[in-house]
Each structure stands twice: as structure tokens, then as C-alpha cells.
All heavy atoms as atom14 arrays in JSON, in Angstrom:
{
  "sequence": "KVRVKALDASGREVRLKAEGFLARVLQHEIDHTNGIVFID",
  "atom14_mask": [
    [1, 1, 1, 1, 1, 1, 1, 1, 1, 0, 0, 0, 0, 0],
    [1, 1, 1, 1, 1, 1, 1, 0, 0, 0, 0, 0, 0, 0],
    [1, 1, 1, 1, 1, 1, 1, 1, 1, 1, 1, 0, 0, 0],
    [1, 1, 1, 1, 1, 1, 1, 0, 0, 0, 0, 0, 0, 0],
    [1, 1, 1, 1, 1, 1, 1, 1, 1, 0, 0, 0, 0, 0],
    [1, 1, 1, 1, 1, 0, 0, 0, 0, 0, 0, 0, 0, 0],
    [1, 1, 1, 1, 1, 1, 1, 1, 0, 0, 0, 0, 0, 0],
    [1, 1, 1, 1, 1, 1, 1, 1, 0, 0, 0, 0, 0, 0],
    [1, 1, 1, 1, 1, 0, 0, 0, 0, 0, 0, 0, 0, 0],
    [1, 1, 1, 1, 1, 1, 0, 0, 0, 0, 0, 0, 0, 0],
    [1, 1, 1, 1, 0, 0, 0, 0, 0, 0, 0, 0, 0, 0],
    [1, 1, 1, 1, 1, 1, 1, 1, 1, 1, 1, 0, 0, 0],
    [1, 1, 1, 1, 1, 1, 1, 1, 1, 0, 0, 0, 0, 0],
    [1, 1, 1, 1, 1, 1, 1, 0, 0, 0, 0, 0, 0, 0],
    [1, 1, 1, 1, 1, 1, 1, 1, 1, 1, 1, 0, 0, 0],
    [1, 1, 1, 1, 1, 1, 1, 1, 0, 0, 0, 0, 0, 0],
    [1, 1, 1, 1, 1, 1, 1, 1, 1, 0, 0, 0, 0, 0],
    [1, 1, 1, 1, 1, 0, 0, 0, 0, 0, 0, 0, 0, 0],
    [1, 1, 1, 1, 1, 1, 1, 1, 1, 0, 0, 0, 0, 0],
    [1, 1, 1, 1, 0, 0, 0, 0, 0, 0, 0, 0, 0, 0],
    [1, 1, 1, 1, 1, 1, 1, 1, 1, 1, 1, 0, 0, 0],
    [1, 1, 1, 1, 1, 1, 1, 1, 0, 0, 0, 0, 0, 0],
    [1, 1, 1, 1, 1, 0, 0, 0, 0, 0, 0, 0, 0, 0],
    [1, 1, 1, 1, 1, 1, 1, 1, 1, 1, 1, 0, 0, 0],
    [1, 1, 1, 1, 1, 1, 1, 0, 0, 0, 0, 0, 0, 0],
    [1, 1, 1, 1, 1, 1, 1, 1, 0, 0, 0, 0, 0, 0],
    [1, 1, 1, 1, 1, 1, 1, 1, 1, 0, 0, 0, 0, 0],
    [1, 1, 1, 1, 1, 1, 1, 1, 1, 1, 0, 0, 0, 0],
    [1, 1, 1, 1, 1, 1, 1, 1, 1, 0, 0, 0, 0, 0],
    [1, 1, 1, 1, 1, 1, 1, 1, 0, 0, 0, 0, 0, 0],
    [1, 1, 1, 1, 1, 1, 1, 1, 0, 0, 0, 0, 0, 0],
    [1, 1, 1, 1, 1, 1, 1, 1, 1, 1, 0, 0, 0, 0],
    [1, 1, 1, 1, 1, 1, 1, 0, 0, 0, 0, 0, 0, 0],
    [1, 1, 1, 1, 1, 1, 1, 1, 0, 0, 0, 0, 0, 0],
    [1, 1, 1, 1, 0, 0, 0, 0, 0, 0, 0, 0, 0, 0],
    [1, 1, 1, 1, 1, 1, 1, 1, 0, 0, 0, 0, 0, 0],
    [1, 1, 1, 1, 1, 1, 1, 0, 0, 0, 0, 0, 0, 0],
    [1, 1, 1, 1, 1, 1, 1, 1, 1, 1, 1, 0, 0, 0],
    [1, 1, 1, 1, 1, 1, 1, 1, 0, 0, 0, 0, 0, 0],
    [1, 1, 1, 1, 1, 1, 1, 1, 0, 0, 0, 0, 0, 0]
  ],
  "atom14_positions": [
    [[37.43, -18.34, 49.4], [38.53, -17.41, 48.76], [37.77, -16.34, 47.98], [36.72, -16.61, 47.38], [39.34, -18.29, 47.69], [40.0, -19.46, 48.27], [40.82, -20.25, 47.16], [41.55, -21.44, 47.77], [42.21, -22.18, 46.77], [0.0, 0.0, 0.0], [0.0, 0.0, 0.0], [0.0, 0.0, 0.0], [0.0, 0.0, 0.0], [0.0, 0.0, 0.0]],
    [[38.32, -15.23, 47.93], [37.84, -14.07, 47.16], [39.01, -13.32, 46.6], [40.14, -13.36, 47.01], [37.01, -13.09, 47.97], [35.6, -13.82, 48.27], [37.67, -12.63, 49.14], [0.0, 0.0, 0.0], [0.0, 0.0, 0.0], [0.0, 0.0, 0.0], [0.0, 0.0, 0.0], [0.0, 0.0, 0.0], [0.0, 0.0, 0.0], [0.0, 0.0, 0.0]],
    [[38.56, -12.64, 45.49], [39.62, -11.6, 44.96], [38.97, -10.23, 45.01], [37.78, -10.16, 44.7], [40.03, -11.89, 43.47], [40.72, -13.22, 43.37], [40.86, -13.53, 41.82], [41.37, -14.89, 41.63], [42.58, -15.18, 41.11], [43.26, -14.21, 40.67], [43.04, -16.45, 41.03], [0.0, 0.0, 0.0], [0.0, 0.0, 0.0], [0.0, 0.0, 0.0]],
    [[39.61, -9.33, 45.63], [39.11, -8.05, 45.92], [39.99, -6.93, 45.28], [41.22, -6.98, 45.06], [39.1, -7.74, 47.43], [38.7, -6.39, 47.84], [38.2, -8.86, 48.1], [0.0, 0.0, 0.0], [0.0, 0.0, 0.0], [0.0, 0.0, 0.0], [0.0, 0.0, 0.0], [0.0, 0.0, 0.0], [0.0, 0.0, 0.0], [0.0, 0.0, 0.0]],
    [[39.24, -5.83, 44.75], [39.93, -4.61, 44.37], [39.5, -3.5, 45.18], [38.37, -3.48, 45.61], [39.96, -4.4, 42.83], [38.6, -3.9, 42.35], [38.67, -3.57, 40.88], [37.36, -2.95, 40.41], [37.33, -2.52, 39.0], [0.0, 0.0, 0.0], [0.0, 0.0, 0.0], [0.0, 0.0, 0.0], [0.0, 0.0, 0.0], [0.0, 0.0, 0.0]],
    [[40.32, -2.47, 45.37], [40.1, -1.36, 46.16], [41.09, -0.24, 46.07], [41.99, -0.46, 45.28], [39.93, -1.74, 47.71], [0.0, 0.0, 0.0], [0.0, 0.0, 0.0], [0.0, 0.0, 0.0], [0.0, 0.0, 0.0], [0.0, 0.0, 0.0], [0.0, 0.0, 0.0], [0.0, 0.0, 0.0], [0.0, 0.0, 0.0], [0.0, 0.0, 0.0]],
    [[40.91, 0.8, 46.72], [41.96, 1.81, 46.74], [42.58, 1.82, 48.12], [41.85, 1.54, 49.08], [41.42, 3.26, 46.53], [40.69, 3.48, 45.13], [40.01, 4.85, 45.06], [41.57, 3.32, 43.99], [0.0, 0.0, 0.0], [0.0, 0.0, 0.0], [0.0, 0.0, 0.0], [0.0, 0.0, 0.0], [0.0, 0.0, 0.0], [0.0, 0.0, 0.0]],
    [[43.83, 2.23, 48.2], [44.35, 2.32, 49.58], [44.36, 3.75, 49.98], [43.69, 4.57, 49.41], [45.96, 1.72, 49.57], [46.8, 2.68, 48.73], [46.46, 3.84, 48.3], [47.98, 2.26, 48.42], [0.0, 0.0, 0.0], [0.0, 0.0, 0.0], [0.0, 0.0, 0.0], [0.0, 0.0, 0.0], [0.0, 0.0, 0.0], [0.0, 0.0, 0.0]],
    [[44.89, 4.0, 51.17], [44.79, 5.33, 51.81], [45.35, 6.47, 51.0], [45.1, 7.57, 51.35], [45.33, 5.33, 53.21], [0.0, 0.0, 0.0], [0.0, 0.0, 0.0], [0.0, 0.0, 0.0], [0.0, 0.0, 0.0], [0.0, 0.0, 0.0], [0.0, 0.0, 0.0], [0.0, 0.0, 0.0], [0.0, 0.0, 0.0], [0.0, 0.0, 0.0]],
    [[46.18, 6.05, 50.04], [46.88, 7.02, 49.21], [46.11, 7.21, 47.88], [46.42, 7.93, 47.04], [48.27, 6.69, 48.85], [48.99, 6.65, 50.09], [0.0, 0.0, 0.0], [0.0, 0.0, 0.0], [0.0, 0.0, 0.0], [0.0, 0.0, 0.0], [0.0, 0.0, 0.0], [0.0, 0.0, 0.0], [0.0, 0.0, 0.0], [0.0, 0.0, 0.0]],
    [[45.06, 6.48, 47.72], [44.19, 6.48, 46.43], [44.78, 5.6, 45.34], [44.23, 5.75, 44.24], [0.0, 0.0, 0.0], [0.0, 0.0, 0.0], [0.0, 0.0, 0.0], [0.0, 0.0, 0.0], [0.0, 0.0, 0.0], [0.0, 0.0, 0.0], [0.0, 0.0, 0.0], [0.0, 0.0, 0.0], [0.0, 0.0, 0.0], [0.0, 0.0, 0.0]],
    [[45.68, 4.76, 45.68], [46.27, 3.8, 44.68], [45.41, 2.57, 44.61], [44.93, 2.2, 45.69], [47.65, 3.49, 44.87], [48.58, 4.7, 44.82], [50.12, 4.17, 44.96], [50.27, 3.69, 46.28], [50.91, 4.41, 47.18], [51.35, 5.65, 47.04], [51.0, 3.91, 48.48], [0.0, 0.0, 0.0], [0.0, 0.0, 0.0], [0.0, 0.0, 0.0]],
    [[45.22, 2.04, 43.42], [44.39, 0.73, 43.3], [45.18, -0.28, 43.87], [46.52, -0.54, 43.63], [43.96, 0.46, 41.89], [43.15, -0.79, 41.79], [42.63, -1.05, 40.38], [41.78, -0.32, 39.9], [43.18, -2.12, 39.88], [0.0, 0.0, 0.0], [0.0, 0.0, 0.0], [0.0, 0.0, 0.0], [0.0, 0.0, 0.0], [0.0, 0.0, 0.0]],
    [[44.57, -1.19, 44.67], [45.21, -2.4, 45.08], [44.24, -3.64, 44.75], [43.16, -3.48, 44.69], [45.49, -2.36, 46.66], [46.45, -1.39, 47.01], [44.17, -2.11, 47.48], [0.0, 0.0, 0.0], [0.0, 0.0, 0.0], [0.0, 0.0, 0.0], [0.0, 0.0, 0.0], [0.0, 0.0, 0.0], [0.0, 0.0, 0.0], [0.0, 0.0, 0.0]],
    [[44.9, -4.87, 44.55], [44.2, -5.97, 44.31], [44.75, -7.07, 45.19], [45.99, -7.04, 45.36], [44.29, -6.44, 42.83], [43.6, -5.44, 41.93], [43.76, -5.93, 40.51], [42.86, -5.07, 39.63], [41.71, -5.35, 39.19], [41.05, -6.48, 39.63], [40.99, -4.48, 38.5], [0.0, 0.0, 0.0], [0.0, 0.0, 0.0], [0.0, 0.0, 0.0]],
    [[43.93, -7.84, 45.8], [44.44, -8.82, 46.72], [43.52, -10.14, 46.56], [42.4, -10.06, 46.19], [44.31, -8.46, 48.1], [43.14, -7.91, 48.74], [42.85, -8.59, 50.03], [43.39, -6.49, 49.04], [0.0, 0.0, 0.0], [0.0, 0.0, 0.0], [0.0, 0.0, 0.0], [0.0, 0.0, 0.0], [0.0, 0.0, 0.0], [0.0, 0.0, 0.0]],
    [[44.2, -11.28, 46.79], [43.57, -12.5, 46.85], [43.56, -12.99, 48.39], [44.54, -12.86, 49.09], [44.37, -13.6, 46.01], [44.29, -13.4, 44.56], [45.35, -14.25, 43.84], [45.26, -15.75, 44.11], [46.12, -16.48, 43.26], [0.0, 0.0, 0.0], [0.0, 0.0, 0.0], [0.0, 0.0, 0.0], [0.0, 0.0, 0.0], [0.0, 0.0, 0.0]],
    [[42.45, -13.41, 48.82], [42.29, -13.78, 50.23], [41.61, -15.16, 50.3], [40.82, -15.47, 49.5], [41.53, -12.75, 50.96], [0.0, 0.0, 0.0], [0.0, 0.0, 0.0], [0.0, 0.0, 0.0], [0.0, 0.0, 0.0], [0.0, 0.0, 0.0], [0.0, 0.0, 0.0], [0.0, 0.0, 0.0], [0.0, 0.0, 0.0], [0.0, 0.0, 0.0]],
    [[41.98, -15.89, 51.32], [41.35, -17.0, 51.73], [41.19, -17.27, 53.19], [41.69, -16.59, 53.9], [42.02, -18.28, 51.1], [43.55, -18.48, 51.52], [44.13, -19.69, 50.86], [44.68, -19.41, 49.71], [44.05, -20.78, 51.38], [0.0, 0.0, 0.0], [0.0, 0.0, 0.0], [0.0, 0.0, 0.0], [0.0, 0.0, 0.0], [0.0, 0.0, 0.0]],
    [[40.36, -18.19, 53.59], [40.13, -18.47, 54.93], [39.44, -17.36, 55.66], [38.53, -16.65, 55.15], [0.0, 0.0, 0.0], [0.0, 0.0, 0.0], [0.0, 0.0, 0.0], [0.0, 0.0, 0.0], [0.0, 0.0, 0.0], [0.0, 0.0, 0.0], [0.0, 0.0, 0.0], [0.0, 0.0, 0.0], [0.0, 0.0, 0.0], [0.0, 0.0, 0.0]],
    [[39.97, -17.12, 56.91], [39.28, -16.12, 57.73], [39.33, -14.66, 57.08], [38.38, -13.98, 57.19], [39.96, -16.08, 59.11], [39.33, -15.09, 60.03], [37.97, -15.42, 60.61], [39.86, -13.98, 60.58], [37.45, -14.67, 61.49], [39.28, -13.19, 61.51], [38.0, -13.44, 61.96], [0.0, 0.0, 0.0], [0.0, 0.0, 0.0], [0.0, 0.0, 0.0]],
    [[40.53, -14.26, 56.35], [40.51, -13.03, 55.8], [39.44, -12.91, 54.66], [38.83, -11.83, 54.61], [41.97, -12.78, 55.17], [42.11, -11.47, 54.52], [41.77, -10.28, 55.26], [43.51, -11.33, 53.81], [0.0, 0.0, 0.0], [0.0, 0.0, 0.0], [0.0, 0.0, 0.0], [0.0, 0.0, 0.0], [0.0, 0.0, 0.0], [0.0, 0.0, 0.0]],
    [[39.24, -13.93, 53.91], [38.19, -13.96, 52.92], [36.88, -13.71, 53.54], [36.02, -12.92, 53.01], [38.29, -15.14, 52.14], [0.0, 0.0, 0.0], [0.0, 0.0, 0.0], [0.0, 0.0, 0.0], [0.0, 0.0, 0.0], [0.0, 0.0, 0.0], [0.0, 0.0, 0.0], [0.0, 0.0, 0.0], [0.0, 0.0, 0.0], [0.0, 0.0, 0.0]],
    [[36.67, -14.4, 54.63], [35.35, -14.16, 55.36], [35.22, -12.78, 55.9], [33.99, -12.12, 55.7], [35.3, -15.15, 56.63], [34.07, -15.05, 57.42], [34.04, -16.22, 58.39], [33.85, -17.48, 57.78], [32.61, -17.95, 57.24], [31.49, -17.15, 57.36], [32.65, -19.07, 56.57], [0.0, 0.0, 0.0], [0.0, 0.0, 0.0], [0.0, 0.0, 0.0]],
    [[36.2, -12.17, 56.47], [36.19, -10.83, 56.98], [35.82, -9.73, 55.87], [35.06, -8.87, 55.98], [37.46, -10.46, 57.77], [37.57, -8.99, 58.02], [37.58, -11.33, 59.01], [0.0, 0.0, 0.0], [0.0, 0.0, 0.0], [0.0, 0.0, 0.0], [0.0, 0.0, 0.0], [0.0, 0.0, 0.0], [0.0, 0.0, 0.0], [0.0, 0.0, 0.0]],
    [[36.62, -9.94, 54.83], [36.38, -9.04, 53.62], [34.99, -9.15, 53.14], [34.3, -8.05, 52.78], [37.37, -9.41, 52.41], [38.82, -9.05, 52.77], [39.71, -9.67, 51.83], [38.98, -7.52, 52.82], [0.0, 0.0, 0.0], [0.0, 0.0, 0.0], [0.0, 0.0, 0.0], [0.0, 0.0, 0.0], [0.0, 0.0, 0.0], [0.0, 0.0, 0.0]],
    [[34.34, -10.43, 52.92], [33.0, -10.47, 52.55], [32.06, -9.88, 53.46], [31.06, -9.09, 53.18], [32.6, -11.94, 52.34], [33.31, -12.65, 51.18], [33.16, -14.1, 51.2], [32.18, -14.65, 50.78], [34.1, -14.85, 51.66], [0.0, 0.0, 0.0], [0.0, 0.0, 0.0], [0.0, 0.0, 0.0], [0.0, 0.0, 0.0], [0.0, 0.0, 0.0]],
    [[32.28, -9.95, 54.81], [31.48, -9.36, 55.93], [31.49, -7.97, 55.73], [30.49, -7.24, 55.72], [31.99, -9.88, 57.16], [31.32, -9.36, 58.44], [30.53, -10.07, 59.31], [31.23, -8.05, 58.86], [30.05, -9.38, 60.22], [30.46, -8.06, 60.02], [0.0, 0.0, 0.0], [0.0, 0.0, 0.0], [0.0, 0.0, 0.0], [0.0, 0.0, 0.0]],
    [[32.72, -7.3, 55.6], [32.76, -5.84, 55.45], [32.2, -5.17, 54.27], [31.58, -4.19, 54.27], [34.26, -5.4, 55.83], [34.8, -5.8, 57.13], [33.91, -5.39, 58.28], [33.29, -4.19, 58.27], [33.7, -6.06, 59.33], [0.0, 0.0, 0.0], [0.0, 0.0, 0.0], [0.0, 0.0, 0.0], [0.0, 0.0, 0.0], [0.0, 0.0, 0.0]],
    [[32.49, -5.88, 53.11], [31.99, -5.44, 51.89], [30.41, -5.52, 51.89], [29.73, -4.64, 51.4], [32.66, -6.1, 50.62], [34.15, -5.8, 50.61], [31.89, -5.88, 49.33], [34.97, -6.59, 49.74], [0.0, 0.0, 0.0], [0.0, 0.0, 0.0], [0.0, 0.0, 0.0], [0.0, 0.0, 0.0], [0.0, 0.0, 0.0], [0.0, 0.0, 0.0]],
    [[29.92, -6.54, 52.5], [28.45, -6.53, 52.75], [27.94, -5.26, 53.44], [26.92, -4.74, 53.06], [28.02, -7.77, 53.65], [27.86, -9.06, 52.74], [27.9, -8.94, 51.46], [27.54, -10.1, 53.35], [0.0, 0.0, 0.0], [0.0, 0.0, 0.0], [0.0, 0.0, 0.0], [0.0, 0.0, 0.0], [0.0, 0.0, 0.0], [0.0, 0.0, 0.0]],
    [[28.72, -4.88, 54.46], [28.36, -3.69, 55.19], [28.11, -2.44, 54.22], [27.2, -1.7, 54.38], [29.29, -3.31, 56.27], [29.1, -3.94, 57.64], [27.87, -3.78, 58.29], [29.86, -4.73, 58.51], [27.9, -4.51, 59.43], [29.1, -5.05, 59.57], [0.0, 0.0, 0.0], [0.0, 0.0, 0.0], [0.0, 0.0, 0.0], [0.0, 0.0, 0.0]],
    [[29.12, -2.33, 53.26], [29.02, -1.15, 52.38], [27.78, -1.31, 51.5], [27.42, -0.33, 50.86], [30.28, -1.05, 51.56], [30.38, -2.19, 50.6], [31.57, -0.93, 52.4], [0.0, 0.0, 0.0], [0.0, 0.0, 0.0], [0.0, 0.0, 0.0], [0.0, 0.0, 0.0], [0.0, 0.0, 0.0], [0.0, 0.0, 0.0], [0.0, 0.0, 0.0]],
    [[27.15, -2.44, 51.35], [25.96, -2.71, 50.53], [24.67, -2.77, 51.35], [23.64, -3.29, 50.84], [26.2, -4.0, 49.69], [27.26, -3.75, 48.72], [27.28, -2.73, 48.0], [28.27, -4.64, 48.57], [0.0, 0.0, 0.0], [0.0, 0.0, 0.0], [0.0, 0.0, 0.0], [0.0, 0.0, 0.0], [0.0, 0.0, 0.0], [0.0, 0.0, 0.0]],
    [[24.72, -2.42, 52.64], [23.69, -2.49, 53.55], [23.15, -3.83, 53.98], [22.05, -4.15, 54.29], [0.0, 0.0, 0.0], [0.0, 0.0, 0.0], [0.0, 0.0, 0.0], [0.0, 0.0, 0.0], [0.0, 0.0, 0.0], [0.0, 0.0, 0.0], [0.0, 0.0, 0.0], [0.0, 0.0, 0.0], [0.0, 0.0, 0.0], [0.0, 0.0, 0.0]],
    [[24.12, -4.85, 53.95], [23.79, -6.18, 54.45], [24.55, -6.47, 55.72], [25.79, -6.21, 55.91], [24.3, -7.13, 53.3], [23.56, -6.85, 52.03], [24.13, -8.58, 53.73], [24.12, -7.66, 50.75], [0.0, 0.0, 0.0], [0.0, 0.0, 0.0], [0.0, 0.0, 0.0], [0.0, 0.0, 0.0], [0.0, 0.0, 0.0], [0.0, 0.0, 0.0]],
    [[23.83, -7.12, 56.65], [24.39, -7.52, 57.95], [24.53, -8.98, 57.96], [23.62, -9.66, 57.31], [23.53, -7.08, 59.1], [24.08, -7.35, 60.46], [23.33, -5.53, 59.0], [0.0, 0.0, 0.0], [0.0, 0.0, 0.0], [0.0, 0.0, 0.0], [0.0, 0.0, 0.0], [0.0, 0.0, 0.0], [0.0, 0.0, 0.0], [0.0, 0.0, 0.0]],
    [[25.48, -9.55, 58.65], [25.77, -11.01, 58.49], [24.5, -11.92, 58.86], [24.41, -12.99, 58.24], [27.0, -11.39, 59.44], [26.66, -11.61, 60.91], [26.22, -12.83, 61.54], [26.73, -10.55, 61.77], [25.92, -13.09, 62.71], [26.43, -10.72, 63.18], [25.91, -11.96, 63.62], [0.0, 0.0, 0.0], [0.0, 0.0, 0.0], [0.0, 0.0, 0.0]],
    [[23.64, -11.43, 59.77], [22.39, -12.39, 59.99], [21.52, -12.48, 58.79], [20.83, -13.42, 58.77], [21.58, -11.6, 61.25], [21.1, -10.3, 60.98], [22.43, -11.87, 62.48], [20.17, -9.73, 61.98], [0.0, 0.0, 0.0], [0.0, 0.0, 0.0], [0.0, 0.0, 0.0], [0.0, 0.0, 0.0], [0.0, 0.0, 0.0], [0.0, 0.0, 0.0]],
    [[21.65, -11.51, 57.8], [20.87, -11.68, 56.67], [21.18, -12.95, 55.76], [20.43, -13.32, 54.99], [21.01, -10.52, 55.72], [20.58, -9.25, 56.48], [19.83, -9.3, 57.33], [21.06, -8.08, 56.06], [0.0, 0.0, 0.0], [0.0, 0.0, 0.0], [0.0, 0.0, 0.0], [0.0, 0.0, 0.0], [0.0, 0.0, 0.0], [0.0, 0.0, 0.0]]
  ]
}
């Protein structure tokens, strides 16, 4: 499980709680923004 904050395409802040596969996907993609690839 993770809690994430971001901006949407209109520039408004959004917050979401995710679990399961969505939580995994969010961690994977946020890693990309930090220069981390899943194999690391």
C-alpha cells in the first residue's frame, strides 16, 4: 500500500491511496522519475 500526491493534467493537486497492483505500478513509475529501474 502507498499514499501518493501529485498534480493532475490541469495542475490541481490530487492525493490517492493505492494498494495491490496499483500500488506496485505507482512505486515502479515513481522510481523511474528518480532514475531507478525495477531490476535495481
